[in-house]
Amino acid sequence: MLIMANVDQVAGEALPYVIERIVAAGAQSAHVVPAMTKKGRWEHLFFVDVPEERLDAVVAFMVAELGTIGLRVFETQHIKYAYRTVQVRLVVATSKGFEPRAWPVSVKLICDGQGEVSAAKAEFEDLRAALLELAHAGVAVPFGDLKALVESTARDGKAHERGGVRAEPWPPELPGDLPG
């Protein structure tokens, strides 16, 4: 189910808390978009994806927390793609070759209907942690470059190097992977 609500009296700094609580109440995802309504008033549009069995709990929270007097609920079709998670490890070049210390990054490989990998998405928190560790080791790599390096390694299963960093496939796949 998709809940849509427009709210014109919620403080921007409260939004992260509200989103977190909506998800805790059972929503699969929650998105908030700023918008402008009649008479130049600012509002926020909430789009909340929720399973039918959690609808009442999520709606009750939204009404109590946001003070909205009405919500729209749509029945939707959610198309999910299979994915598997692989690991890529990052190693740093030194004057003696590549340093054995490594930083892991998880990457989701998203599969099409035939099971072929159609997209790769590196986990943000892993990239962030790796960038901080690399910077501490004296290696400066732009976020976008590291993301591209890790994702290309995950997609083709081959090691790649850039800017003093090597990304290598790192078996095994993580538990809980979906077939694909």
Foldseek 3Di string as FASTA:
>chain_A
DKKKFKAQDDDPVCVVVLQVVLVVLAWPGKDWDWDADPPRGIIIIIITHGDPVSVVSSVVSCCVPRVTPDMDDDDDDDDDFAKFKFKKWKWFQDPVGTDPDIQIWIKIFTADPVRAGDFIFIDPVSLVVVQVVCVVVVFHDDSVRVRVQQRVCVRVQAWDDDRRMIIHTDDDTDPPGGRD
